[in-house]
Amino acid sequence: MWPSGASGETHLKTYHIELQRLKAAKQGNGLVEFAIDAQMLPQAAGGDATPTSVLSMTEANARVLLALLKTQLSDVDKRKARSQR
């Protein structure tokens, strides 16, 4: 459960996540999982902005991630019955 403030609000921890390397991808049970190397740093909430975490990566890593996602989703589609597509 997420930590709550005195007024019952939920406070999210926010991070700056820098993706360093994609190692592997797998899918099963409705999930696509990636093994990665990443650096996570706490990110201070900025004033009135909605708290959010940021994921950053190089263009090369973004292209690898896109290719891995396409492959994993293609595998999922192959396993589904035609009536579920």
PDB file of N, CA and C in Angstrom:
ATOM      1  N   MET A   1       0.842  -1.180   0.000  1.00  0.00           N
ATOM      2  CA  MET A   1       0.000   0.000   0.000  1.00  0.00           C
ATOM      3  C   MET A   1       0.885   1.241   0.000  1.00  0.00           C
ATOM      4  N   TRP A   2       0.424   2.297  -0.683  1.00  0.00           N
ATOM      5  CA  TRP A   2       1.192   3.523  -0.781  1.00  0.00           C
ATOM      6  C   TRP A   2       1.059   4.329   0.505  1.00  0.00           C
ATOM      7  N   PRO A   3       2.127   5.038   0.903  1.00  0.00           N
ATOM      8  CA  PRO A   3       2.044   5.880   2.099  1.00  0.00           C
ATOM      9  C   PRO A   3       0.996   6.974   1.907  1.00  0.00           C
ATOM     10  N   SER A   4       0.246   7.271   2.951  1.00  0.00           N
ATOM     11  CA  SER A   4      -0.785   8.306   2.879  1.00  0.00           C
ATOM     12  C   SER A   4      -0.432   9.467   3.790  1.00  0.00           C
ATOM     13  N   GLY A   5      -0.861  10.647   3.376  1.00  0.00           N
ATOM     14  CA  GLY A   5      -0.671  11.832   4.187  1.00  0.00           C
ATOM     15  C   GLY A   5      -1.758  11.945   5.231  1.00  0.00           C
ATOM     16  N   ALA A   6      -1.699  13.002   6.036  1.00  0.00           N
ATOM     17  CA  ALA A   6      -2.667  13.198   7.107  1.00  0.00           C
ATOM     18  C   ALA A   6      -4.085  13.362   6.560  1.00  0.00           C
ATOM     19  N   SER A   7      -4.206  13.936   5.359  1.00  0.00           N
ATOM     20  CA  SER A   7      -5.539  14.171   4.793  1.00  0.00           C
ATOM     21  C   SER A   7      -6.035  12.966   3.997  1.00  0.00           C
ATOM     22  N   GLY A   8      -5.289  11.855   4.014  1.00  0.00           N
ATOM     23  CA  GLY A   8      -5.699  10.662   3.293  1.00  0.00           C
ATOM     24  C   GLY A   8      -5.211  10.622   1.856  1.00  0.00           C
ATOM     25  N   GLU A   9      -4.453  11.646   1.436  1.00  0.00           N
ATOM     26  CA  GLU A   9      -3.914  11.676   0.076  1.00  0.00           C
ATOM     27  C   GLU A   9      -2.830  10.615  -0.065  1.00  0.00           C
ATOM     28  N   THR A  10      -2.716  10.068  -1.244  1.00  0.00           N
ATOM     29  CA  THR A  10      -1.658   9.108  -1.527  1.00  0.00           C
ATOM     30  C   THR A  10      -0.462   9.856  -2.078  1.00  0.00           C
ATOM     31  N   HIS A  11       0.717   9.598  -1.503  1.00  0.00           N
ATOM     32  CA  HIS A  11       1.937  10.237  -1.970  1.00  0.00           C
ATOM     33  C   HIS A  11       2.762   9.215  -2.722  1.00  0.00           C
ATOM     34  N   LEU A  12       3.081   9.547  -3.974  1.00  0.00           N
ATOM     35  CA  LEU A  12       3.886   8.664  -4.787  1.00  0.00           C
ATOM     36  C   LEU A  12       5.344   9.075  -4.698  1.00  0.00           C
ATOM     37  N   LYS A  13       6.222   8.096  -4.671  1.00  0.00           N
ATOM     38  CA  LYS A  13       7.634   8.386  -4.762  1.00  0.00           C
ATOM     39  C   LYS A  13       7.955   8.530  -6.237  1.00  0.00           C
ATOM     40  N   THR A  14       8.674   9.567  -6.598  1.00  0.00           N
ATOM     41  CA  THR A  14       9.009   9.789  -7.996  1.00  0.00           C
ATOM     42  C   THR A  14      10.510   9.634  -8.205  1.00  0.00           C
ATOM     43  N   TYR A  15      10.876   9.136  -9.387  1.00  0.00           N
ATOM     44  CA  TYR A  15      12.265   8.846  -9.695  1.00  0.00           C
ATOM     45  C   TYR A  15      12.616   9.306 -11.099  1.00  0.00           C
ATOM     46  N   HIS A  16      13.886   9.574 -11.299  1.00  0.00           N
ATOM     47  CA  HIS A  16      14.449   9.739 -12.632  1.00  0.00           C
ATOM     48  C   HIS A  16      15.165   8.423 -12.907  1.00  0.00           C
ATOM     49  N   ILE A  17      14.688   7.681 -13.890  1.00  0.00           N
ATOM     50  CA  ILE A  17      15.233   6.360 -14.206  1.00  0.00           C
ATOM     51  C   ILE A  17      15.969   6.467 -15.530  1.00  0.00           C
ATOM     52  N   GLU A  18      17.274   6.215 -15.500  1.00  0.00           N
ATOM     53  CA  GLU A  18      18.073   6.256 -16.719  1.00  0.00           C
ATOM     54  C   GLU A  18      18.380   4.832 -17.148  1.00  0.00           C
ATOM     55  N   LEU A  19      17.811   4.447 -18.267  1.00  0.00           N
ATOM     56  CA  LEU A  19      18.018   3.106 -18.804  1.00  0.00           C
ATOM     57  C   LEU A  19      19.418   3.036 -19.400  1.00  0.00           C
ATOM     58  N   GLN A  20      20.244   2.118 -18.891  1.00  0.00           N
ATOM     59  CA  GLN A  20      21.612   1.995 -19.359  1.00  0.00           C
ATOM     60  C   GLN A  20      21.756   0.888 -20.405  1.00  0.00           C
ATOM     61  N   ARG A  21      21.069  -0.247 -20.169  1.00  0.00           N
ATOM     62  CA  ARG A  21      21.203  -1.379 -21.080  1.00  0.00           C
ATOM     63  C   ARG A  21      19.992  -2.297 -20.949  1.00  0.00           C
ATOM     64  N   LEU A  22      19.508  -2.753 -22.097  1.00  0.00           N
ATOM     65  CA  LEU A  22      18.457  -3.771 -22.134  1.00  0.00           C
ATOM     66  C   LEU A  22      19.149  -5.117 -22.280  1.00  0.00           C
ATOM     67  N   LYS A  23      18.849  -6.037 -21.378  1.00  0.00           N
ATOM     68  CA  LYS A  23      19.519  -7.335 -21.386  1.00  0.00           C
ATOM     69  C   LYS A  23      18.674  -8.430 -22.005  1.00  0.00           C
ATOM     70  N   ALA A  24      17.392  -8.475 -21.704  1.00  0.00           N
ATOM     71  CA  ALA A  24      16.532  -9.548 -22.200  1.00  0.00           C
ATOM     72  C   ALA A  24      15.071  -9.135 -22.057  1.00  0.00           C
ATOM     73  N   ALA A  25      14.221  -9.849 -22.787  1.00  0.00           N
ATOM     74  CA  ALA A  25      12.780  -9.630 -22.697  1.00  0.00           C
ATOM     75  C   ALA A  25      12.097 -10.981 -22.695  1.00  0.00           C
ATOM     76  N   LYS A  26      10.988 -11.056 -21.956  1.00  0.00           N
ATOM     77  CA  LYS A  26      10.180 -12.271 -21.960  1.00  0.00           C
ATOM     78  C   LYS A  26       8.736 -11.881 -21.707  1.00  0.00           C
ATOM     79  N   GLN A  27       7.829 -12.786 -22.067  1.00  0.00           N
ATOM     80  CA  GLN A  27       6.420 -12.504 -21.837  1.00  0.00           C
ATOM     81  C   GLN A  27       5.729 -13.770 -21.402  1.00  0.00           C
ATOM     82  N   GLY A  28       4.694 -13.580 -20.622  1.00  0.00           N
ATOM     83  CA  GLY A  28       3.883 -14.681 -20.140  1.00  0.00           C
ATOM     84  C   GLY A  28       2.884 -14.190 -19.120  1.00  0.00           C
ATOM     85  N   ASN A  29       1.760 -14.858 -19.031  1.00  0.00           N
ATOM     86  CA  ASN A  29       0.698 -14.514 -18.070  1.00  0.00           C
ATOM     87  C   ASN A  29       0.250 -13.061 -18.191  1.00  0.00           C
ATOM     88  N   GLY A  30       0.219 -12.543 -19.408  1.00  0.00           N
ATOM     89  CA  GLY A  30      -0.259 -11.181 -19.621  1.00  0.00           C
ATOM     90  C   GLY A  30       0.742 -10.089 -19.299  1.00  0.00           C
ATOM     91  N   LEU A  31       1.999 -10.454 -19.055  1.00  0.00           N
ATOM     92  CA  LEU A  31       3.036  -9.468 -18.743  1.00  0.00           C
ATOM     93  C   LEU A  31       4.181  -9.561 -19.737  1.00  0.00           C
ATOM     94  N   VAL A  32       4.773  -8.418 -20.060  1.00  0.00           N
ATOM     95  CA  VAL A  32       6.028  -8.378 -20.809  1.00  0.00           C
ATOM     96  C   VAL A  32       7.055  -7.824 -19.831  1.00  0.00           C
ATOM     97  N   GLU A  33       8.124  -8.576 -19.608  1.00  0.00           N
ATOM     98  CA  GLU A  33       9.143  -8.181 -18.636  1.00  0.00           C
ATOM     99  C   GLU A  33      10.482  -7.990 -19.332  1.00  0.00           C
ATOM    100  N   PHE A  34      11.238  -6.988 -18.872  1.00  0.00           N
ATOM    101  CA  PHE A  34      12.554  -6.698 -19.415  1.00  0.00           C
ATOM    102  C   PHE A  34      13.586  -6.770 -18.303  1.00  0.00           C
ATOM    103  N   ALA A  35      14.698  -7.405 -18.601  1.00  0.00           N
ATOM    104  CA  ALA A  35      15.852  -7.373 -17.695  1.00  0.00           C
ATOM    105  C   ALA A  35      16.695  -6.183 -18.158  1.00  0.00           C
ATOM    106  N   ILE A  36      16.958  -5.261 -17.256  1.00  0.00           N
ATOM    107  CA  ILE A  36      17.664  -4.029 -17.636  1.00  0.00           C
ATOM    108  C   ILE A  36      18.728  -3.665 -16.608  1.00  0.00           C
ATOM    109  N   ASP A  37      19.648  -2.836 -17.049  1.00  0.00           N
ATOM    110  CA  ASP A  37      20.533  -2.113 -16.138  1.00  0.00           C
ATOM    111  C   ASP A  37      20.033  -0.673 -16.154  1.00  0.00           C
ATOM    112  N   ALA A  38      19.796  -0.107 -14.988  1.00  0.00           N
ATOM    113  CA  ALA A  38      19.277   1.254 -14.921  1.00  0.00           C
ATOM    114  C   ALA A  38      19.803   1.958 -13.682  1.00  0.00           C
ATOM    115  N   GLN A  39      19.887   3.262 -13.772  1.00  0.00           N
ATOM    116  CA  GLN A  39      20.245   4.082 -12.629  1.00  0.00           C
ATOM    117  C   GLN A  39      18.978   4.813 -12.192  1.00  0.00           C
ATOM    118  N   MET A  40      18.637   4.676 -10.897  1.00  0.00           N
ATOM    119  CA  MET A  40      17.433   5.314 -10.369  1.00  0.00           C
ATOM    120  C   MET A  40      17.827   6.371  -9.351  1.00  0.00           C
ATOM    121  N   LEU A  41      17.357   7.578  -9.572  1.00  0.00           N
ATOM    122  CA  LEU A  41      17.620   8.672  -8.652  1.00  0.00           C
ATOM    123  C   LEU A  41      16.293   9.280  -8.208  1.00  0.00           C
ATOM    124  N   PRO A  42      16.153   9.600  -6.922  1.00  0.00           N
ATOM    125  CA  PRO A  42      14.917  10.251  -6.476  1.00  0.00           C
ATOM    126  C   PRO A  42      14.724  11.570  -7.221  1.00  0.00           C
ATOM    127  N   GLN A  43      13.482  11.885  -7.525  1.00  0.00           N
ATOM    128  CA  GLN A  43      13.168  13.135  -8.216  1.00  0.00           C
ATOM    129  C   GLN A  43      12.207  13.926  -7.356  1.00  0.00           C
ATOM    130  N   ALA A  44      12.585  15.147  -7.025  1.00  0.00           N
ATOM    131  CA  ALA A  44      11.741  15.997  -6.193  1.00  0.00           C
ATOM    132  C   ALA A  44      10.516  16.426  -6.977  1.00  0.00           C
ATOM    133  N   ALA A  45       9.370  16.433  -6.308  1.00  0.00           N
ATOM    134  CA  ALA A  45       8.131  16.894  -6.936  1.00  0.00           C
ATOM    135  C   ALA A  45       8.261  18.384  -7.189  1.00  0.00           C
ATOM    136  N   GLY A  46       7.817  18.802  -8.350  1.00  0.00           N
ATOM    137  CA  GLY A  46       7.957  20.212  -8.726  1.00  0.00           C
ATOM    138  C   GLY A  46       6.684  21.003  -8.521  1.00  0.00           C
ATOM    139  N   GLY A  47       6.582  21.720  -7.448  1.00  0.00           N
ATOM    140  CA  GLY A  47       5.486  22.652  -7.192  1.00  0.00           C
ATOM    141  C   GLY A  47       4.104  22.075  -7.387  1.00  0.00           C
ATOM    142  N   ASP A  48       3.335  22.687  -8.310  1.00  0.00           N
ATOM    143  CA  ASP A  48       1.953  22.283  -8.562  1.00  0.00           C
ATOM    144  C   ASP A  48       1.851  21.131  -9.566  1.00  0.00           C
ATOM    145  N   ALA A  49       2.984  20.718 -10.120  1.00  0.00           N
ATOM    146  CA  ALA A  49       2.957  19.658 -11.132  1.00  0.00           C
ATOM    147  C   ALA A  49       2.557  18.326 -10.502  1.00  0.00           C
ATOM    148  N   THR A  50       1.887  17.507 -11.280  1.00  0.00           N
ATOM    149  CA  THR A  50       1.516  16.171 -10.830  1.00  0.00           C
ATOM    150  C   THR A  50       2.779  15.350 -10.660  1.00  0.00           C
ATOM    151  N   PRO A  51       2.946  14.668  -9.529  1.00  0.00           N
ATOM    152  CA  PRO A  51       4.160  13.871  -9.327  1.00  0.00           C
ATOM    153  C   PRO A  51       4.263  12.774 -10.382  1.00  0.00           C
ATOM    154  N   THR A  52       5.409  12.669 -10.997  1.00  0.00           N
ATOM    155  CA  THR A  52       5.611  11.678 -12.034  1.00  0.00           C
ATOM    156  C   THR A  52       7.069  11.252 -12.087  1.00  0.00           C
ATOM    157  N   SER A  53       7.291  10.011 -12.432  1.00  0.00           N
ATOM    158  CA  SER A  53       8.654   9.526 -12.632  1.00  0.00           C
ATOM    159  C   SER A  53       9.015   9.688 -14.103  1.00  0.00           C
ATOM    160  N   VAL A  54      10.307   9.786 -14.382  1.00  0.00           N
ATOM    161  CA  VAL A  54      10.783   9.990 -15.743  1.00  0.00           C
ATOM    162  C   VAL A  54      11.706   8.844 -16.121  1.00  0.00           C
ATOM    163  N   LEU A  55      11.482   8.256 -17.289  1.00  0.00           N
ATOM    164  CA  LEU A  55      12.345   7.215 -17.838  1.00  0.00           C
ATOM    165  C   LEU A  55      13.078   7.822 -19.022  1.00  0.00           C
ATOM    166  N   SER A  56      14.403   7.834 -18.964  1.00  0.00           N
ATOM    167  CA  SER A  56      15.171   8.369 -20.082  1.00  0.00           C
ATOM    168  C   SER A  56      16.118   7.302 -20.608  1.00  0.00           C
ATOM    169  N   MET A  57      16.399   7.383 -21.926  1.00  0.00           N
ATOM    170  CA  MET A  57      17.293   6.415 -22.561  1.00  0.00           C
ATOM    171  C   MET A  57      17.854   7.035 -23.833  1.00  0.00           C
ATOM    172  N   THR A  58      18.922   6.443 -24.317  1.00  0.00           N
ATOM    173  CA  THR A  58      19.500   6.914 -25.569  1.00  0.00           C
ATOM    174  C   THR A  58      18.584   6.517 -26.722  1.00  0.00           C
ATOM    175  N   GLU A  59      18.792   7.140 -27.862  1.00  0.00           N
ATOM    176  CA  GLU A  59      18.012   6.780 -29.044  1.00  0.00           C
ATOM    177  C   GLU A  59      18.263   5.320 -29.423  1.00  0.00           C
ATOM    178  N   ALA A  60      19.492   4.874 -29.294  1.00  0.00           N
ATOM    179  CA  ALA A  60      19.822   3.482 -29.622  1.00  0.00           C
ATOM    180  C   ALA A  60      19.056   2.518 -28.710  1.00  0.00           C
ATOM    181  N   ASN A  61      19.012   2.805 -27.414  1.00  0.00           N
ATOM    182  CA  ASN A  61      18.262   1.951 -26.485  1.00  0.00           C
ATOM    183  C   ASN A  61      16.763   2.002 -26.762  1.00  0.00           C
ATOM    184  N   ALA A  62      16.264   3.161 -27.174  1.00  0.00           N
ATOM    185  CA  ALA A  62      14.842   3.280 -27.515  1.00  0.00           C
ATOM    186  C   ALA A  62      14.512   2.405 -28.719  1.00  0.00           C
ATOM    187  N   ARG A  63      15.404   2.364 -29.690  1.00  0.00           N
ATOM    188  CA  ARG A  63      15.184   1.523 -30.870  1.00  0.00           C
ATOM    189  C   ARG A  63      15.208   0.033 -30.494  1.00  0.00           C
ATOM    190  N   VAL A  64      16.125  -0.348 -29.614  1.00  0.00           N
ATOM    191  CA  VAL A  64      16.186  -1.737 -29.151  1.00  0.00           C
ATOM    192  C   VAL A  64      14.912  -2.082 -28.387  1.00  0.00           C
ATOM    193  N   LEU A  65      14.469  -1.185 -27.513  1.00  0.00           N
ATOM    194  CA  LEU A  65      13.244  -1.415 -26.746  1.00  0.00           C
ATOM    195  C   LEU A  65      12.043  -1.593 -27.674  1.00  0.00           C
ATOM    196  N   LEU A  66      11.937  -0.745 -28.689  1.00  0.00           N
ATOM    197  CA  LEU A  66      10.839  -0.848 -29.641  1.00  0.00           C
ATOM    198  C   LEU A  66      10.871  -2.188 -30.378  1.00  0.00           C
ATOM    199  N   ALA A  67      12.044  -2.603 -30.810  1.00  0.00           N
ATOM    200  CA  ALA A  67      12.174  -3.884 -31.508  1.00  0.00           C
ATOM    201  C   ALA A  67      11.794  -5.048 -30.590  1.00  0.00           C
ATOM    202  N   LEU A  68      12.249  -5.007 -29.330  1.00  0.00           N
ATOM    203  CA  LEU A  68      11.911  -6.066 -28.382  1.00  0.00           C
ATOM    204  C   LEU A  68      10.415  -6.101 -28.099  1.00  0.00           C
ATOM    205  N   LEU A  69       9.791  -4.931 -27.965  1.00  0.00           N
ATOM    206  CA  LEU A  69       8.345  -4.882 -27.734  1.00  0.00           C
ATOM    207  C   LEU A  69       7.586  -5.474 -28.913  1.00  0.00           C
ATOM    208  N   LYS A  70       7.984  -5.122 -30.119  1.00  0.00           N
ATOM    209  CA  LYS A  70       7.318  -5.660 -31.304  1.00  0.00           C
ATOM    210  C   LYS A  70       7.438  -7.181 -31.339  1.00  0.00           C
ATOM    211  N   THR A  71       8.610  -7.697 -31.037  1.00  0.00           N
ATOM    212  CA  THR A  71       8.823  -9.142 -31.037  1.00  0.00           C
ATOM    213  C   THR A  71       7.959  -9.827 -29.985  1.00  0.00           C
ATOM    214  N   GLN A  72       7.954  -9.287 -28.765  1.00  0.00           N
ATOM    215  CA  GLN A  72       7.177  -9.892 -27.683  1.00  0.00           C
ATOM    216  C   GLN A  72       5.688  -9.851 -27.990  1.00  0.00           C
ATOM    217  N   LEU A  73       5.189  -8.732 -28.508  1.00  0.00           N
ATOM    218  CA  LEU A  73       3.761  -8.632 -28.821  1.00  0.00           C
ATOM    219  C   LEU A  73       3.383  -9.524 -29.996  1.00  0.00           C
ATOM    220  N   SER A  74       4.279  -9.693 -30.934  1.00  0.00           N
ATOM    221  CA  SER A  74       4.043 -10.616 -32.039  1.00  0.00           C
ATOM    222  C   SER A  74       3.909 -12.044 -31.518  1.00  0.00           C
ATOM    223  N   ASP A  75       4.759 -12.419 -30.561  1.00  0.00           N
ATOM    224  CA  ASP A  75       4.675 -13.748 -29.946  1.00  0.00           C
ATOM    225  C   ASP A  75       3.349 -13.933 -29.210  1.00  0.00           C
ATOM    226  N   VAL A  76       2.889 -12.898 -28.532  1.00  0.00           N
ATOM    227  CA  VAL A  76       1.608 -12.966 -27.824  1.00  0.00           C
ATOM    228  C   VAL A  76       0.482 -13.189 -28.834  1.00  0.00           C
ATOM    229  N   ASP A  77       0.504 -12.433 -29.933  1.00  0.00           N
ATOM    230  CA  ASP A  77      -0.545 -12.555 -30.943  1.00  0.00           C
ATOM    231  C   ASP A  77      -0.561 -13.935 -31.574  1.00  0.00           C
ATOM    232  N   LYS A  78       0.600 -14.549 -31.759  1.00  0.00           N
ATOM    233  CA  LYS A  78       0.669 -15.885 -32.351  1.00  0.00           C
ATOM    234  C   LYS A  78      -0.002 -16.921 -31.455  1.00  0.00           C
ATOM    235  N   ARG A  79       0.044 -16.722 -30.154  1.00  0.00           N
ATOM    236  CA  ARG A  79      -0.517 -17.684 -29.203  1.00  0.00           C
ATOM    237  C   ARG A  79      -2.021 -17.532 -29.008  1.00  0.00           C
ATOM    238  N   LYS A  80      -2.551 -16.362 -29.343  1.00  0.00           N
ATOM    239  CA  LYS A  80      -3.977 -16.140 -29.167  1.00  0.00           C
ATOM    240  C   LYS A  80      -4.768 -16.838 -30.252  1.00  0.00           C
ATOM    241  N   ALA A  81      -5.947 -17.282 -29.891  1.00  0.00           N
ATOM    242  CA  ALA A  81      -6.858 -17.839 -30.887  1.00  0.00           C
ATOM    243  C   ALA A  81      -7.318 -16.718 -31.812  1.00  0.00           C
ATOM    244  N   ARG A  82      -7.654 -17.047 -33.040  1.00  0.00           N
ATOM    245  CA  ARG A  82      -8.079 -16.026 -34.004  1.00  0.00           C
ATOM    246  C   ARG A  82      -9.268 -15.223 -33.485  1.00  0.00           C
ATOM    247  N   SER A  83     -10.149 -15.841 -32.717  1.00  0.00           N
ATOM    248  CA  SER A  83     -11.330 -15.143 -32.220  1.00  0.00           C
ATOM    249  C   SER A  83     -10.995 -14.079 -31.180  1.00  0.00           C
ATOM    250  N   GLN A  84      -9.786 -14.126 -30.592  1.00  0.00           N
ATOM    251  CA  GLN A  84      -9.396 -13.148 -29.570  1.00  0.00           C
ATOM    252  C   GLN A  84      -8.653 -11.968 -30.166  1.00  0.00           C
ATOM    253  N   ARG A  85      -8.321 -11.999 -31.434  1.00  0.00           N
ATOM    254  CA  ARG A  85      -7.553 -10.896 -32.042  1.00  0.00           C
ATOM    255  C   ARG A  85      -8.423  -9.745 -32.435  1.00  0.00           C
TER     256      ARG A  85
END
